[in-house]
Each structure stands twice: as structure tokens, then as C-alpha cells.
Amino acid sequence: YTMSTPDVQSEIAELNEALKTLYSNSNSQVKDQANDYLLKFQRSEPAWSLIFPVLGDETGSNTSNQQEDLQLKIFMAQTLRSKVHYDFNQLPADSLGSLKDSLIQLIIAYNGKQKLITTQLCIALANFALQYLSWNNAIVEIIEILSSNSINSLLEFLKVLPEELLDVKKVPLSDEELRIRTKQLVDDNIQQVLYVLS
């Protein structure tokens, strides 16, 4: 799903307005409306097409100041985490490889910059690796890419991965798929993880 440029700018403007309202002194009814809008956006398919342009925008051109830019980016990182977690099935199979690459590139871009955003991106990557069953060398690839220039992000990823695997209620995999995937992601890579940590 892709949006036209005017639609993107319009949607971003509405998201900024809703976030401003949520963090303002508005009355609770107005805040509830803003919150409902944001939650509805997070569950929508069009959200996928806005996440990467907003998170990848280093100029802050989508907002009027740095605080708003940070709020929008934190919200988008949370949206990405949520989308990967709950709406993975919305993604066409042929888009998974490029989404994986984009997600890893964002983690590299945010390494050492915004811990809150980095953590959300690492949780998204952990859930992505868990559900992208045909990504056979996920941990090896992530370690190879992140160990050279994004060690803080790699350590964060290695911290959140087991936490996400333990929270099996949230994962749309069968018990058998989860058992096999956990073995692939964790058990089969213990030596490599220990090497990184030493």
C-alpha cells in the first residue's frame, strides 16, 4: 500500500495535530478523540507506508520543531513495533526482504541517538525475525551487519530478543512453529552471541 505525496503530508499533519493534542492541556474528551485517531491509524494498512519516510527523515521536515519531530518519530517507532507484532499478515510476502533491510538500516541510523526509538526498532526486528520464518540466518545476518558499526543497537537487540520470545501469547505462531523458530534464533546461535558479548 502506498499513498500519494499530498496524502502523506496531510496524514502526517493530522498525526502531528493528534500528538500535540494528546500531550497538551486539552480537556479529556478531546484527548480521547486524539488517542482514538492515533490508535486507529496504528491499526490501519496505510500506516506501513508512512513509517519509514517519517523515521528516515533526518531534516525534521514533517514538523515545526524538534520536540514535535521527536514525538512523531517515537510514535512511528511504536507504530512499527505494533504493526510487525500484530499486523505482520498485512504484508505481502514479496515485501518482507526489503522491509527487513529498511528496518536494519533504521536501527543503524538511530544507533547511539535515541534509545527509546532504538528499543522500539529492536523489538520490531525481534518480532520480525520471529515471524519471518524463511529468514533462516536471521541472527547471523543481524550480528554481522550491526556488530561493525552499531554495537549499542546490537546489544539492545540481543537483550529484547529473548524477552519477545518468552511472550508467546502475542505471537501468531503455532506452538510447534514457535519451538522451531526459538531453536533457530537462539539455541543455534548461542556461540555467536557469546562471542559478541565477550
Protein backbone atom coordinates (compact mmCIF):
# COMPACT_ATOMS: atom_id res chain seq x y z
CA TYR A 1 0.00 0.00 0.00
CA THR A 2 1.41 3.39 -0.96
CA MET A 3 -0.01 6.87 -0.54
CA SER A 4 0.39 9.83 -2.85
CA THR A 5 2.63 12.67 -1.61
CA PRO A 6 -0.26 15.05 -0.78
CA ASP A 7 -1.97 12.26 1.17
CA VAL A 8 1.25 11.56 3.06
CA GLN A 9 1.70 15.22 4.04
CA SER A 10 -1.95 15.50 5.03
CA GLU A 11 -1.80 12.35 7.16
CA ILE A 12 1.43 13.48 8.84
CA ALA A 13 -0.15 16.85 9.62
CA GLU A 14 -3.14 15.11 11.23
CA LEU A 15 -0.85 12.82 13.23
CA ASN A 16 1.14 15.81 14.47
CA GLU A 17 -2.06 17.57 15.47
CA ALA A 18 -3.33 14.49 17.33
CA LEU A 19 0.01 14.05 19.13
CA LYS A 20 0.06 17.74 20.11
CA THR A 21 -3.47 17.41 21.47
CA LEU A 22 -2.58 14.24 23.38
CA TYR A 23 0.34 15.95 25.14
CA SER A 24 -1.40 19.29 25.65
CA ASN A 25 -3.68 20.70 28.32
CA SER A 26 -6.78 19.92 26.27
CA ASN A 27 -9.83 18.51 28.00
CA SER A 28 -10.08 14.75 28.38
CA GLN A 29 -12.76 14.34 25.69
CA VAL A 30 -10.55 16.00 23.06
CA LYS A 31 -7.55 13.94 24.24
CA ASP A 32 -9.65 10.76 23.96
CA GLN A 33 -10.56 11.66 20.38
CA ALA A 34 -6.90 12.24 19.54
CA ASN A 35 -5.94 8.95 21.17
CA ASP A 36 -8.67 7.09 19.25
CA TYR A 37 -7.41 8.60 15.99
CA LEU A 38 -3.82 7.55 16.75
CA LEU A 39 -4.86 4.00 17.66
CA LYS A 40 -6.97 3.71 14.52
CA PHE A 41 -4.01 4.92 12.46
CA GLN A 42 -1.70 2.35 14.08
CA ARG A 43 -4.05 -0.47 13.09
CA SER A 44 -4.53 0.74 9.51
CA GLU A 45 -2.74 -0.64 6.46
CA PRO A 46 -1.71 2.85 5.25
CA ALA A 47 0.41 3.20 8.41
CA TRP A 48 3.01 0.93 6.76
CA SER A 49 3.64 3.49 4.02
CA LEU A 50 4.31 6.37 6.45
CA ILE A 51 6.58 4.70 8.99
CA PHE A 52 9.81 4.62 7.00
CA PRO A 53 9.57 8.08 5.39
CA VAL A 54 8.97 9.67 8.82
CA LEU A 55 11.63 7.69 10.70
CA GLY A 56 14.12 8.16 7.86
CA ASP A 57 13.62 11.94 7.71
CA GLU A 58 16.72 13.42 9.32
CA THR A 59 15.77 17.01 8.49
CA GLY A 60 12.65 17.12 10.64
CA SER A 61 10.74 18.50 7.65
CA ASN A 62 7.48 16.90 8.79
CA THR A 63 7.17 19.03 11.92
CA SER A 64 7.59 22.62 13.04
CA ASN A 65 10.09 21.98 15.86
CA GLN A 66 12.45 19.37 17.31
CA GLN A 67 10.10 18.34 20.13
CA GLU A 68 7.27 17.62 17.69
CA ASP A 69 9.70 15.78 15.40
CA LEU A 70 10.84 13.56 18.27
CA GLN A 71 7.24 12.88 19.37
CA LEU A 72 6.26 11.93 15.83
CA LYS A 73 9.29 9.65 15.42
CA ILE A 74 8.73 7.92 18.78
CA PHE A 75 5.08 7.38 17.80
CA MET A 76 6.13 5.96 14.41
CA ALA A 77 8.69 3.65 16.04
CA GLN A 78 5.95 2.42 18.41
CA THR A 79 3.65 2.03 15.40
CA LEU A 80 6.25 -0.05 13.57
CA ARG A 81 6.74 -2.26 16.63
CA SER A 82 2.99 -2.73 16.92
CA LYS A 83 2.48 -3.34 13.19
CA VAL A 84 5.19 -6.00 13.00
CA HIS A 85 3.83 -7.61 16.12
CA TYR A 86 0.11 -7.66 15.35
CA ASP A 87 -0.26 -6.93 11.62
CA PHE A 88 2.57 -8.93 10.07
CA ASN A 89 -0.07 -10.73 7.98
CA GLN A 90 -0.90 -7.42 6.21
CA LEU A 91 2.49 -7.56 4.49
CA PRO A 92 2.82 -9.12 1.05
CA ALA A 93 5.39 -11.94 1.13
CA ASP A 94 7.44 -10.30 -1.62
CA SER A 95 7.93 -7.15 0.51
CA LEU A 96 9.47 -8.89 3.52
CA GLY A 97 13.08 -8.79 2.29
CA SER A 98 13.06 -5.07 1.60
CA LEU A 99 11.20 -4.35 4.85
CA LYS A 100 13.87 -6.31 6.76
CA ASP A 101 16.63 -4.29 5.06
CA SER A 102 14.84 -0.98 5.76
CA LEU A 103 14.34 -1.89 9.41
CA ILE A 104 18.01 -2.80 9.87
CA GLN A 105 19.07 0.45 8.15
CA LEU A 106 16.86 2.44 10.56
CA ILE A 107 18.46 0.68 13.52
CA ILE A 108 21.88 1.64 12.18
CA ALA A 109 20.74 5.25 11.65
CA TYR A 110 19.45 5.55 15.24
CA ASN A 111 22.38 3.75 16.89
CA GLY A 112 23.51 5.81 19.87
CA LYS A 113 20.99 8.61 19.16
CA GLN A 114 17.52 7.98 20.60
CA LYS A 115 17.42 4.97 22.94
CA LEU A 116 13.63 4.98 23.12
CA ILE A 117 13.36 4.77 19.33
CA THR A 118 16.20 2.24 19.07
CA THR A 119 14.48 -0.03 21.61
CA GLN A 120 11.19 0.09 19.68
CA LEU A 121 13.04 -0.70 16.43
CA CYS A 122 14.91 -3.60 18.06
CA ILE A 123 11.65 -5.05 19.41
CA ALA A 124 10.19 -4.72 15.91
CA LEU A 125 13.21 -6.52 14.43
CA ALA A 126 12.98 -9.30 17.05
CA ASN A 127 9.31 -9.85 16.20
CA PHE A 128 10.07 -9.61 12.51
CA ALA A 129 12.79 -12.28 12.79
CA LEU A 130 10.43 -14.47 14.80
CA GLN A 131 7.61 -14.30 12.25
CA TYR A 132 9.66 -14.22 9.02
CA LEU A 133 10.07 -17.99 9.02
CA SER A 134 12.03 -18.22 5.77
CA TRP A 135 14.75 -15.87 7.08
CA ASN A 136 17.00 -18.77 8.04
CA ASN A 137 20.15 -16.92 9.04
CA ALA A 138 18.44 -14.02 10.82
CA ILE A 139 20.69 -13.81 13.88
CA VAL A 140 23.91 -14.35 11.91
CA GLU A 141 22.92 -11.62 9.45
CA ILE A 142 21.87 -9.18 12.18
CA ILE A 143 25.10 -9.75 14.13
CA GLU A 144 27.25 -9.37 11.00
CA ILE A 145 25.59 -6.10 9.99
CA LEU A 146 25.21 -4.45 13.39
CA SER A 147 28.48 -5.56 15.03
CA SER A 148 30.61 -3.47 12.68
CA ASN A 149 29.02 -0.06 13.28
CA SER A 150 26.03 -0.31 15.62
CA ILE A 151 27.16 -2.27 18.66
CA ASN A 152 24.80 -0.42 21.06
CA SER A 153 21.84 -1.37 18.89
CA LEU A 154 23.08 -4.94 18.54
CA LEU A 155 23.30 -5.30 22.33
CA GLU A 156 19.79 -3.86 22.67
CA PHE A 157 18.50 -6.33 20.07
CA LEU A 158 20.16 -9.26 21.85
CA LYS A 159 18.56 -8.08 25.10
CA VAL A 160 15.00 -7.77 23.73
CA LEU A 161 15.02 -10.92 21.56
CA PRO A 162 14.63 -13.44 24.43
CA GLU A 163 12.06 -11.20 26.12
CA GLU A 164 9.95 -11.22 22.95
CA LEU A 165 10.32 -14.98 22.54
CA LEU A 166 9.06 -15.51 26.08
CA ASP A 167 5.89 -13.52 25.47
CA VAL A 168 4.34 -16.26 23.35
CA LYS A 169 0.73 -15.13 23.84
CA LYS A 170 1.32 -12.22 21.47
CA VAL A 171 2.88 -14.25 18.66
CA PRO A 172 0.63 -15.60 15.87
CA LEU A 173 2.61 -18.86 15.53
CA SER A 174 1.64 -22.37 16.48
CA ASP A 175 3.46 -23.92 19.44
CA GLU A 176 5.49 -26.08 17.07
CA GLU A 177 6.44 -23.14 14.82
CA LEU A 178 7.44 -21.16 17.90
CA ARG A 179 9.54 -24.03 19.28
CA ILE A 180 11.38 -24.49 15.97
CA ARG A 181 11.85 -20.75 15.45
CA THR A 182 13.16 -20.25 19.00
CA LYS A 183 15.70 -23.01 18.40
CA GLN A 184 16.75 -21.38 15.10
CA LEU A 185 17.03 -17.88 16.56
CA VAL A 186 18.51 -18.60 19.98
CA ASP A 187 19.76 -22.13 20.58
CA ASP A 188 21.56 -22.43 17.24
CA ASN A 189 23.32 -19.08 17.72
CA ILE A 190 24.48 -19.17 21.33
CA GLN A 191 28.17 -19.40 20.41
CA GLN A 192 27.98 -16.41 18.09
CA VAL A 193 26.08 -14.33 20.67
CA LEU A 194 28.59 -15.22 23.39
CA TYR A 195 31.42 -14.20 21.06
CA VAL A 196 29.79 -10.78 20.53
CA LEU A 197 29.32 -10.31 24.26
CA SER A 198 32.90 -11.25 25.17
